Amino acid sequence: GIILYQEQVMQIAKVLGNYNLGLADILRRSISDKRKKDVFLHR
């Protein structure tokens, strides 16, 4: 039940946020790099 891997972040975005995996990878990078404007947009 713990979010441990980057791939899990991408899967959650796909299953709960209707992302495709390409956009999910960009979300992962935005969060990992702490790009606040991008994360706000992804929200």
All heavy atoms as atom14 arrays in JSON, in Angstrom:
{
  "sequence": "GIILYQEQVMQIAKVLGNYNLGLADILRRSISDKRKKDVFLHR",
  "atom14_mask": [
    [1, 1, 1, 1, 0, 0, 0, 0, 0, 0, 0, 0, 0, 0],
    [1, 1, 1, 1, 1, 1, 1, 1, 0, 0, 0, 0, 0, 0],
    [1, 1, 1, 1, 1, 1, 1, 1, 0, 0, 0, 0, 0, 0],
    [1, 1, 1, 1, 1, 1, 1, 1, 0, 0, 0, 0, 0, 0],
    [1, 1, 1, 1, 1, 1, 1, 1, 1, 1, 1, 1, 0, 0],
    [1, 1, 1, 1, 1, 1, 1, 1, 1, 0, 0, 0, 0, 0],
    [1, 1, 1, 1, 1, 1, 1, 1, 1, 0, 0, 0, 0, 0],
    [1, 1, 1, 1, 1, 1, 1, 1, 1, 0, 0, 0, 0, 0],
    [1, 1, 1, 1, 1, 1, 1, 0, 0, 0, 0, 0, 0, 0],
    [1, 1, 1, 1, 1, 1, 1, 1, 0, 0, 0, 0, 0, 0],
    [1, 1, 1, 1, 1, 1, 1, 1, 1, 0, 0, 0, 0, 0],
    [1, 1, 1, 1, 1, 1, 1, 1, 0, 0, 0, 0, 0, 0],
    [1, 1, 1, 1, 1, 0, 0, 0, 0, 0, 0, 0, 0, 0],
    [1, 1, 1, 1, 1, 1, 1, 1, 1, 0, 0, 0, 0, 0],
    [1, 1, 1, 1, 1, 1, 1, 0, 0, 0, 0, 0, 0, 0],
    [1, 1, 1, 1, 1, 1, 1, 1, 0, 0, 0, 0, 0, 0],
    [1, 1, 1, 1, 0, 0, 0, 0, 0, 0, 0, 0, 0, 0],
    [1, 1, 1, 1, 1, 1, 1, 1, 0, 0, 0, 0, 0, 0],
    [1, 1, 1, 1, 1, 1, 1, 1, 1, 1, 1, 1, 0, 0],
    [1, 1, 1, 1, 1, 1, 1, 1, 0, 0, 0, 0, 0, 0],
    [1, 1, 1, 1, 1, 1, 1, 1, 0, 0, 0, 0, 0, 0],
    [1, 1, 1, 1, 0, 0, 0, 0, 0, 0, 0, 0, 0, 0],
    [1, 1, 1, 1, 1, 1, 1, 1, 0, 0, 0, 0, 0, 0],
    [1, 1, 1, 1, 1, 0, 0, 0, 0, 0, 0, 0, 0, 0],
    [1, 1, 1, 1, 1, 1, 1, 1, 0, 0, 0, 0, 0, 0],
    [1, 1, 1, 1, 1, 1, 1, 1, 0, 0, 0, 0, 0, 0],
    [1, 1, 1, 1, 1, 1, 1, 1, 0, 0, 0, 0, 0, 0],
    [1, 1, 1, 1, 1, 1, 1, 1, 1, 1, 1, 0, 0, 0],
    [1, 1, 1, 1, 1, 1, 1, 1, 1, 1, 1, 0, 0, 0],
    [1, 1, 1, 1, 1, 1, 0, 0, 0, 0, 0, 0, 0, 0],
    [1, 1, 1, 1, 1, 1, 1, 1, 0, 0, 0, 0, 0, 0],
    [1, 1, 1, 1, 1, 1, 0, 0, 0, 0, 0, 0, 0, 0],
    [1, 1, 1, 1, 1, 1, 1, 1, 0, 0, 0, 0, 0, 0],
    [1, 1, 1, 1, 1, 1, 1, 1, 1, 0, 0, 0, 0, 0],
    [1, 1, 1, 1, 1, 1, 1, 1, 1, 1, 1, 0, 0, 0],
    [1, 1, 1, 1, 1, 1, 1, 1, 1, 0, 0, 0, 0, 0],
    [1, 1, 1, 1, 1, 1, 1, 1, 1, 0, 0, 0, 0, 0],
    [1, 1, 1, 1, 1, 1, 1, 1, 0, 0, 0, 0, 0, 0],
    [1, 1, 1, 1, 1, 1, 1, 0, 0, 0, 0, 0, 0, 0],
    [1, 1, 1, 1, 1, 1, 1, 1, 1, 1, 1, 0, 0, 0],
    [1, 1, 1, 1, 1, 1, 1, 1, 0, 0, 0, 0, 0, 0],
    [1, 1, 1, 1, 1, 1, 1, 1, 1, 1, 0, 0, 0, 0],
    [1, 1, 1, 1, 1, 1, 1, 1, 1, 1, 1, 0, 0, 0]
  ],
  "atom14_positions": [
    [[0.79, -1.24, 0.0], [0.0, 0.0, 0.0], [0.81, 1.28, 0.0], [0.26, 2.37, 0.06], [0.0, 0.0, 0.0], [0.0, 0.0, 0.0], [0.0, 0.0, 0.0], [0.0, 0.0, 0.0], [0.0, 0.0, 0.0], [0.0, 0.0, 0.0], [0.0, 0.0, 0.0], [0.0, 0.0, 0.0], [0.0, 0.0, 0.0], [0.0, 0.0, 0.0]],
    [[2.14, 1.16, -0.08], [3.03, 2.33, -0.05], [3.51, 2.66, -1.47], [3.89, 1.76, -2.22], [4.23, 2.08, 0.88], [3.74, 2.06, 2.33], [5.32, 3.15, 0.72], [4.74, 1.53, 3.32], [0.0, 0.0, 0.0], [0.0, 0.0, 0.0], [0.0, 0.0, 0.0], [0.0, 0.0, 0.0], [0.0, 0.0, 0.0], [0.0, 0.0, 0.0]],
    [[3.48, 3.95, -1.82], [3.97, 4.39, -3.13], [5.5, 4.46, -3.04], [6.06, 5.38, -2.46], [3.38, 5.76, -3.52], [1.85, 5.7, -3.54], [3.9, 6.2, -4.89], [1.17, 7.07, -3.64], [0.0, 0.0, 0.0], [0.0, 0.0, 0.0], [0.0, 0.0, 0.0], [0.0, 0.0, 0.0], [0.0, 0.0, 0.0], [0.0, 0.0, 0.0]],
    [[6.16, 3.46, -3.62], [7.62, 3.35, -3.49], [8.37, 3.59, -4.8], [9.48, 4.1, -4.79], [7.96, 1.95, -2.96], [9.42, 1.6, -2.73], [10.06, 2.57, -1.73], [9.56, 0.16, -2.24], [0.0, 0.0, 0.0], [0.0, 0.0, 0.0], [0.0, 0.0, 0.0], [0.0, 0.0, 0.0], [0.0, 0.0, 0.0], [0.0, 0.0, 0.0]],
    [[7.75, 3.24, -5.93], [8.45, 3.31, -7.21], [7.86, 4.4, -8.12], [6.67, 4.7, -8.06], [8.37, 1.96, -7.94], [8.86, 0.8, -7.13], [7.99, -0.22, -6.75], [10.19, 0.72, -6.74], [8.44, -1.3, -6.01], [10.65, -0.35, -5.99], [9.77, -1.36, -5.62], [10.23, -2.41, -4.88], [0.0, 0.0, 0.0], [0.0, 0.0, 0.0]],
    [[8.72, 4.94, -8.97], [8.29, 5.95, -9.94], [7.23, 5.38, -10.88], [6.3, 6.08, -11.27], [9.5, 6.43, -10.75], [10.5, 7.21, -9.94], [11.77, 7.53, -10.72], [11.96, 7.05, -11.83], [12.64, 8.32, -10.13], [0.0, 0.0, 0.0], [0.0, 0.0, 0.0], [0.0, 0.0, 0.0], [0.0, 0.0, 0.0], [0.0, 0.0, 0.0]],
    [[7.36, 4.11, -11.24], [6.4, 3.47, -12.14], [5.01, 3.41, -11.51], [4.0, 3.46, -12.22], [6.86, 2.07, -12.51], [8.07, 2.03, -13.44], [9.41, 2.07, -12.73], [9.44, 2.5, -11.55], [10.42, 1.69, -13.33], [0.0, 0.0, 0.0], [0.0, 0.0, 0.0], [0.0, 0.0, 0.0], [0.0, 0.0, 0.0], [0.0, 0.0, 0.0]],
    [[4.95, 3.31, -10.17], [3.65, 3.31, -9.48], [2.96, 4.66, -9.6], [1.75, 4.73, -9.76], [3.84, 2.92, -8.01], [4.19, 1.46, -7.8], [4.49, 1.15, -6.35], [5.2, 1.9, -5.67], [3.97, 0.03, -5.86], [0.0, 0.0, 0.0], [0.0, 0.0, 0.0], [0.0, 0.0, 0.0], [0.0, 0.0, 0.0], [0.0, 0.0, 0.0]],
    [[3.75, 5.73, -9.54], [3.21, 7.07, -9.72], [2.57, 7.18, -11.11], [1.46, 7.7, -11.26], [4.32, 8.14, -9.56], [3.81, 9.53, -9.93], [4.86, 8.14, -8.15], [0.0, 0.0, 0.0], [0.0, 0.0, 0.0], [0.0, 0.0, 0.0], [0.0, 0.0, 0.0], [0.0, 0.0, 0.0], [0.0, 0.0, 0.0], [0.0, 0.0, 0.0]],
    [[3.27, 6.66, -12.11], [2.76, 6.71, -13.48], [1.48, 5.88, -13.62], [0.52, 6.29, -14.29], [3.83, 6.22, -14.45], [5.03, 7.16, -14.52], [6.44, 6.42, -15.39], [5.79, 6.28, -17.05], [0.0, 0.0, 0.0], [0.0, 0.0, 0.0], [0.0, 0.0, 0.0], [0.0, 0.0, 0.0], [0.0, 0.0, 0.0], [0.0, 0.0, 0.0]],
    [[1.45, 4.71, -12.98], [0.26, 3.86, -13.06], [-0.94, 4.5, -12.38], [-2.06, 4.42, -12.89], [0.55, 2.5, -12.4], [1.4, 1.58, -13.26], [1.67, 0.26, -12.54], [2.37, 0.23, -11.52], [1.13, -0.82, -13.04], [0.0, 0.0, 0.0], [0.0, 0.0, 0.0], [0.0, 0.0, 0.0], [0.0, 0.0, 0.0], [0.0, 0.0, 0.0]],
    [[-0.71, 5.14, -11.23], [-1.81, 5.82, -10.52], [-2.37, 6.94, -11.38], [-3.59, 7.12, -11.48], [-1.33, 6.37, -9.16], [-1.0, 5.21, -8.21], [-2.39, 7.28, -8.52], [-0.28, 5.61, -6.94], [0.0, 0.0, 0.0], [0.0, 0.0, 0.0], [0.0, 0.0, 0.0], [0.0, 0.0, 0.0], [0.0, 0.0, 0.0], [0.0, 0.0, 0.0]],
    [[-1.47, 7.69, -12.03], [-1.91, 8.79, -12.91], [-2.76, 8.24, -14.05], [-3.76, 8.85, -14.45], [-0.7, 9.54, -13.45], [0.0, 0.0, 0.0], [0.0, 0.0, 0.0], [0.0, 0.0, 0.0], [0.0, 0.0, 0.0], [0.0, 0.0, 0.0], [0.0, 0.0, 0.0], [0.0, 0.0, 0.0], [0.0, 0.0, 0.0], [0.0, 0.0, 0.0]],
    [[-2.4, 7.08, -14.56], [-3.14, 6.46, -15.67], [-4.5, 5.95, -15.21], [-5.53, 6.2, -15.85], [-2.3, 5.31, -16.25], [-2.91, 4.64, -17.48], [-1.94, 3.59, -18.03], [-2.46, 2.98, -19.32], [-3.61, 2.09, -19.09], [0.0, 0.0, 0.0], [0.0, 0.0, 0.0], [0.0, 0.0, 0.0], [0.0, 0.0, 0.0], [0.0, 0.0, 0.0]],
    [[-4.52, 5.25, -14.08], [-5.74, 4.58, -13.62], [-6.73, 5.54, -12.98], [-7.94, 5.43, -13.18], [-5.37, 3.44, -12.63], [-6.6, 2.86, -11.97], [-4.61, 2.35, -13.36], [0.0, 0.0, 0.0], [0.0, 0.0, 0.0], [0.0, 0.0, 0.0], [0.0, 0.0, 0.0], [0.0, 0.0, 0.0], [0.0, 0.0, 0.0], [0.0, 0.0, 0.0]],
    [[-6.21, 6.52, -12.22], [-7.12, 7.43, -11.51], [-7.25, 8.8, -12.18], [-8.21, 9.52, -11.92], [-6.63, 7.64, -10.07], [-7.28, 6.73, -9.03], [-6.73, 5.32, -9.17], [-7.05, 7.24, -7.62], [0.0, 0.0, 0.0], [0.0, 0.0, 0.0], [0.0, 0.0, 0.0], [0.0, 0.0, 0.0], [0.0, 0.0, 0.0], [0.0, 0.0, 0.0]],
    [[-6.28, 9.17, -13.04], [-6.31, 10.5, -13.65], [-6.51, 10.5, -15.15], [-6.42, 11.55, -15.78], [0.0, 0.0, 0.0], [0.0, 0.0, 0.0], [0.0, 0.0, 0.0], [0.0, 0.0, 0.0], [0.0, 0.0, 0.0], [0.0, 0.0, 0.0], [0.0, 0.0, 0.0], [0.0, 0.0, 0.0], [0.0, 0.0, 0.0], [0.0, 0.0, 0.0]],
    [[-6.71, 9.29, -15.73], [-6.95, 9.16, -17.17], [-5.77, 9.65, -18.01], [-5.94, 10.12, -19.13], [-8.24, 9.91, -17.58], [-8.81, 9.39, -18.88], [-8.73, 8.2, -19.18], [-9.39, 10.28, -19.67], [0.0, 0.0, 0.0], [0.0, 0.0, 0.0], [0.0, 0.0, 0.0], [0.0, 0.0, 0.0], [0.0, 0.0, 0.0], [0.0, 0.0, 0.0]],
    [[-4.56, 9.56, -17.47], [-3.34, 9.97, -18.19], [-2.96, 8.87, -19.19], [-3.21, 7.68, -18.95], [-2.17, 10.12, -17.22], [-2.07, 11.47, -16.53], [-3.1, 11.98, -15.76], [-0.89, 12.22, -16.62], [-2.99, 13.19, -15.1], [-0.76, 13.44, -15.97], [-1.81, 13.92, -15.21], [-1.68, 15.12, -14.57], [0.0, 0.0, 0.0], [0.0, 0.0, 0.0]],
    [[-2.29, 9.26, -20.29], [-1.56, 8.25, -21.04], [-0.17, 8.15, -20.4], [0.23, 9.03, -19.63], [-1.49, 8.58, -22.54], [-0.76, 9.89, -22.82], [0.31, 10.16, -22.28], [-1.35, 10.72, -23.67], [0.0, 0.0, 0.0], [0.0, 0.0, 0.0], [0.0, 0.0, 0.0], [0.0, 0.0, 0.0], [0.0, 0.0, 0.0], [0.0, 0.0, 0.0]],
    [[0.59, 7.1, -20.71], [1.85, 6.87, -20.0], [2.92, 7.92, -20.33], [3.79, 8.19, -19.52], [2.37, 5.46, -20.27], [1.58, 4.35, -19.57], [2.1, 2.99, -19.98], [1.63, 4.49, -18.06], [0.0, 0.0, 0.0], [0.0, 0.0, 0.0], [0.0, 0.0, 0.0], [0.0, 0.0, 0.0], [0.0, 0.0, 0.0], [0.0, 0.0, 0.0]],
    [[2.84, 8.51, -21.52], [3.79, 9.57, -21.87], [3.6, 10.78, -20.98], [4.56, 11.34, -20.44], [0.0, 0.0, 0.0], [0.0, 0.0, 0.0], [0.0, 0.0, 0.0], [0.0, 0.0, 0.0], [0.0, 0.0, 0.0], [0.0, 0.0, 0.0], [0.0, 0.0, 0.0], [0.0, 0.0, 0.0], [0.0, 0.0, 0.0], [0.0, 0.0, 0.0]],
    [[2.35, 11.19, -20.8], [2.05, 12.34, -19.94], [2.31, 11.99, -18.48], [2.76, 12.84, -17.7], [0.58, 12.77, -20.13], [0.16, 14.09, -19.47], [0.98, 15.26, -20.01], [-1.33, 14.35, -19.69], [0.0, 0.0, 0.0], [0.0, 0.0, 0.0], [0.0, 0.0, 0.0], [0.0, 0.0, 0.0], [0.0, 0.0, 0.0], [0.0, 0.0, 0.0]],
    [[2.07, 10.73, -18.1], [2.33, 10.28, -16.73], [3.82, 10.38, -16.4], [4.2, 10.71, -15.28], [1.84, 8.85, -16.55], [0.0, 0.0, 0.0], [0.0, 0.0, 0.0], [0.0, 0.0, 0.0], [0.0, 0.0, 0.0], [0.0, 0.0, 0.0], [0.0, 0.0, 0.0], [0.0, 0.0, 0.0], [0.0, 0.0, 0.0], [0.0, 0.0, 0.0]],
    [[4.67, 10.12, -17.39], [6.11, 10.23, -17.18], [6.52, 11.69, -16.96], [7.39, 11.99, -16.15], [6.87, 9.65, -18.38], [8.38, 9.58, -18.14], [8.77, 9.17, -17.04], [9.13, 9.96, -19.04], [0.0, 0.0, 0.0], [0.0, 0.0, 0.0], [0.0, 0.0, 0.0], [0.0, 0.0, 0.0], [0.0, 0.0, 0.0], [0.0, 0.0, 0.0]],
    [[5.86, 12.6, -17.68], [6.13, 14.04, -17.48], [5.69, 14.48, -16.09], [6.37, 15.25, -15.42], [5.44, 14.88, -18.58], [6.13, 14.62, -19.93], [5.47, 16.36, -18.25], [5.45, 15.25, -21.12], [0.0, 0.0, 0.0], [0.0, 0.0, 0.0], [0.0, 0.0, 0.0], [0.0, 0.0, 0.0], [0.0, 0.0, 0.0], [0.0, 0.0, 0.0]],
    [[4.54, 13.95, -15.63], [4.07, 14.23, -14.26], [5.12, 13.75, -13.25], [5.47, 14.48, -12.32], [2.74, 13.53, -14.01], [2.29, 13.42, -12.55], [2.01, 14.8, -11.96], [1.05, 12.53, -12.41], [0.0, 0.0, 0.0], [0.0, 0.0, 0.0], [0.0, 0.0, 0.0], [0.0, 0.0, 0.0], [0.0, 0.0, 0.0], [0.0, 0.0, 0.0]],
    [[5.62, 12.52, -13.44], [6.63, 11.97, -12.54], [7.85, 12.86, -12.46], [8.35, 13.16, -11.37], [7.03, 10.57, -13.02], [8.17, 9.95, -12.24], [8.76, 8.76, -12.96], [9.39, 9.1, -14.23], [10.6, 9.64, -14.35], [11.29, 9.95, -13.28], [11.1, 9.9, -15.53], [0.0, 0.0, 0.0], [0.0, 0.0, 0.0], [0.0, 0.0, 0.0]],
    [[8.32, 13.31, -13.63], [9.5, 14.18, -13.66], [9.22, 15.52, -12.96], [10.06, 16.04, -12.24], [9.91, 14.46, -15.11], [10.65, 13.33, -15.77], [11.23, 13.77, -17.07], [12.06, 12.76, -17.69], [12.93, 13.0, -18.65], [13.11, 14.22, -19.1], [13.64, 12.02, -19.18], [0.0, 0.0, 0.0], [0.0, 0.0, 0.0], [0.0, 0.0, 0.0]],
    [[8.04, 16.07, -13.2], [7.68, 17.37, -12.61], [7.7, 17.3, -11.09], [8.2, 18.2, -10.41], [6.29, 17.82, -13.09], [6.28, 17.97, -14.49], [0.0, 0.0, 0.0], [0.0, 0.0, 0.0], [0.0, 0.0, 0.0], [0.0, 0.0, 0.0], [0.0, 0.0, 0.0], [0.0, 0.0, 0.0], [0.0, 0.0, 0.0], [0.0, 0.0, 0.0]],
    [[7.14, 16.2, -10.54], [7.11, 16.04, -9.09], [8.51, 15.78, -8.54], [8.93, 16.38, -7.54], [6.15, 14.9, -8.69], [4.71, 15.25, -9.08], [6.22, 14.65, -7.19], [3.71, 14.13, -8.87], [0.0, 0.0, 0.0], [0.0, 0.0, 0.0], [0.0, 0.0, 0.0], [0.0, 0.0, 0.0], [0.0, 0.0, 0.0], [0.0, 0.0, 0.0]],
    [[9.26, 14.89, -9.21], [10.62, 14.56, -8.75], [11.53, 15.78, -8.75], [12.36, 15.96, -7.86], [11.22, 13.47, -9.63], [10.5, 12.27, -9.51], [0.0, 0.0, 0.0], [0.0, 0.0, 0.0], [0.0, 0.0, 0.0], [0.0, 0.0, 0.0], [0.0, 0.0, 0.0], [0.0, 0.0, 0.0], [0.0, 0.0, 0.0], [0.0, 0.0, 0.0]],
    [[11.38, 16.64, -9.78], [12.22, 17.83, -9.9], [11.66, 19.02, -9.13], [12.22, 20.12, -9.17], [12.38, 18.23, -11.38], [13.11, 17.16, -12.18], [13.78, 16.32, -11.54], [13.01, 17.15, -13.41], [0.0, 0.0, 0.0], [0.0, 0.0, 0.0], [0.0, 0.0, 0.0], [0.0, 0.0, 0.0], [0.0, 0.0, 0.0], [0.0, 0.0, 0.0]],
    [[10.5, 18.79, -8.45], [9.85, 19.83, -7.63], [9.57, 21.11, -8.43], [9.8, 22.22, -7.96], [10.69, 20.14, -6.39], [10.78, 18.96, -5.43], [11.65, 19.28, -4.23], [11.59, 18.17, -3.2], [12.06, 16.87, -3.67], [0.0, 0.0, 0.0], [0.0, 0.0, 0.0], [0.0, 0.0, 0.0], [0.0, 0.0, 0.0], [0.0, 0.0, 0.0]],
    [[9.05, 20.93, -9.66], [8.66, 22.07, -10.49], [7.23, 22.46, -10.13], [6.26, 21.89, -10.64], [8.79, 21.72, -11.97], [10.22, 21.36, -12.39], [10.41, 21.47, -13.9], [9.65, 20.5, -14.63], [10.14, 19.35, -15.12], [11.41, 19.04, -14.91], [9.37, 18.52, -15.79], [0.0, 0.0, 0.0], [0.0, 0.0, 0.0], [0.0, 0.0, 0.0]],
    [[7.09, 23.42, -9.23], [5.8, 23.74, -8.6], [4.73, 24.16, -9.61], [3.56, 23.74, -9.51], [5.99, 24.85, -7.56], [6.73, 24.37, -6.33], [6.83, 25.47, -5.28], [7.59, 24.97, -4.05], [7.71, 26.05, -3.02], [0.0, 0.0, 0.0], [0.0, 0.0, 0.0], [0.0, 0.0, 0.0], [0.0, 0.0, 0.0], [0.0, 0.0, 0.0]],
    [[5.1, 24.98, -10.6], [4.13, 25.43, -11.6], [3.58, 24.25, -12.39], [2.38, 24.17, -12.67], [4.77, 26.46, -12.54], [4.99, 27.82, -11.9], [5.57, 28.81, -12.91], [5.79, 30.17, -12.27], [6.4, 31.13, -13.23], [0.0, 0.0, 0.0], [0.0, 0.0, 0.0], [0.0, 0.0, 0.0], [0.0, 0.0, 0.0], [0.0, 0.0, 0.0]],
    [[4.47, 23.35, -12.78], [4.06, 22.17, -13.56], [3.19, 21.24, -12.73], [2.19, 20.7, -13.22], [5.29, 21.41, -14.06], [6.06, 22.19, -15.12], [5.51, 23.15, -15.67], [7.23, 21.83, -15.38], [0.0, 0.0, 0.0], [0.0, 0.0, 0.0], [0.0, 0.0, 0.0], [0.0, 0.0, 0.0], [0.0, 0.0, 0.0], [0.0, 0.0, 0.0]],
    [[3.55, 21.06, -11.45], [2.76, 20.19, -10.57], [1.37, 20.77, -10.37], [0.36, 20.04, -10.38], [3.48, 20.0, -9.2], [2.59, 19.22, -8.23], [4.8, 19.27, -9.39], [0.0, 0.0, 0.0], [0.0, 0.0, 0.0], [0.0, 0.0, 0.0], [0.0, 0.0, 0.0], [0.0, 0.0, 0.0], [0.0, 0.0, 0.0], [0.0, 0.0, 0.0]],
    [[1.27, 22.09, -10.22], [-0.02, 22.76, -10.07], [-0.9, 22.52, -11.31], [-2.1, 22.25, -11.19], [0.19, 24.27, -9.85], [-1.09, 25.05, -9.66], [-1.79, 24.97, -8.47], [-1.59, 25.84, -10.69], [-2.98, 25.68, -8.3], [-2.77, 26.55, -10.52], [-3.47, 26.47, -9.33], [0.0, 0.0, 0.0], [0.0, 0.0, 0.0], [0.0, 0.0, 0.0]],
    [[-0.28, 22.6, -12.48], [-1.0, 22.35, -13.73], [-1.48, 20.9, -13.8], [-2.62, 20.63, -14.19], [-0.1, 22.67, -14.92], [-0.65, 22.41, -16.33], [-1.86, 23.31, -16.6], [0.41, 22.63, -17.4], [0.0, 0.0, 0.0], [0.0, 0.0, 0.0], [0.0, 0.0, 0.0], [0.0, 0.0, 0.0], [0.0, 0.0, 0.0], [0.0, 0.0, 0.0]],
    [[-0.61, 19.97, -13.39], [-0.97, 18.54, -13.42], [-2.07, 18.21, -12.43], [-2.86, 17.29, -12.66], [0.26, 17.67, -13.15], [1.11, 17.46, -14.36], [0.73, 16.64, -15.39], [2.32, 17.98, -14.72], [1.65, 16.64, -16.32], [2.63, 17.45, -15.95], [0.0, 0.0, 0.0], [0.0, 0.0, 0.0], [0.0, 0.0, 0.0], [0.0, 0.0, 0.0]],
    [[-2.14, 18.96, -11.34], [-3.23, 18.75, -10.37], [-4.58, 18.97, -11.05], [-5.54, 18.21, -10.84], [-3.05, 19.7, -9.18], [-4.06, 19.49, -8.06], [-3.76, 20.45, -6.91], [-2.6, 20.02, -6.16], [-2.65, 19.18, -5.14], [-3.81, 18.68, -4.75], [-1.56, 18.85, -4.5], [0.0, 0.0, 0.0], [0.0, 0.0, 0.0], [0.0, 0.0, 0.0]]
  ]
}
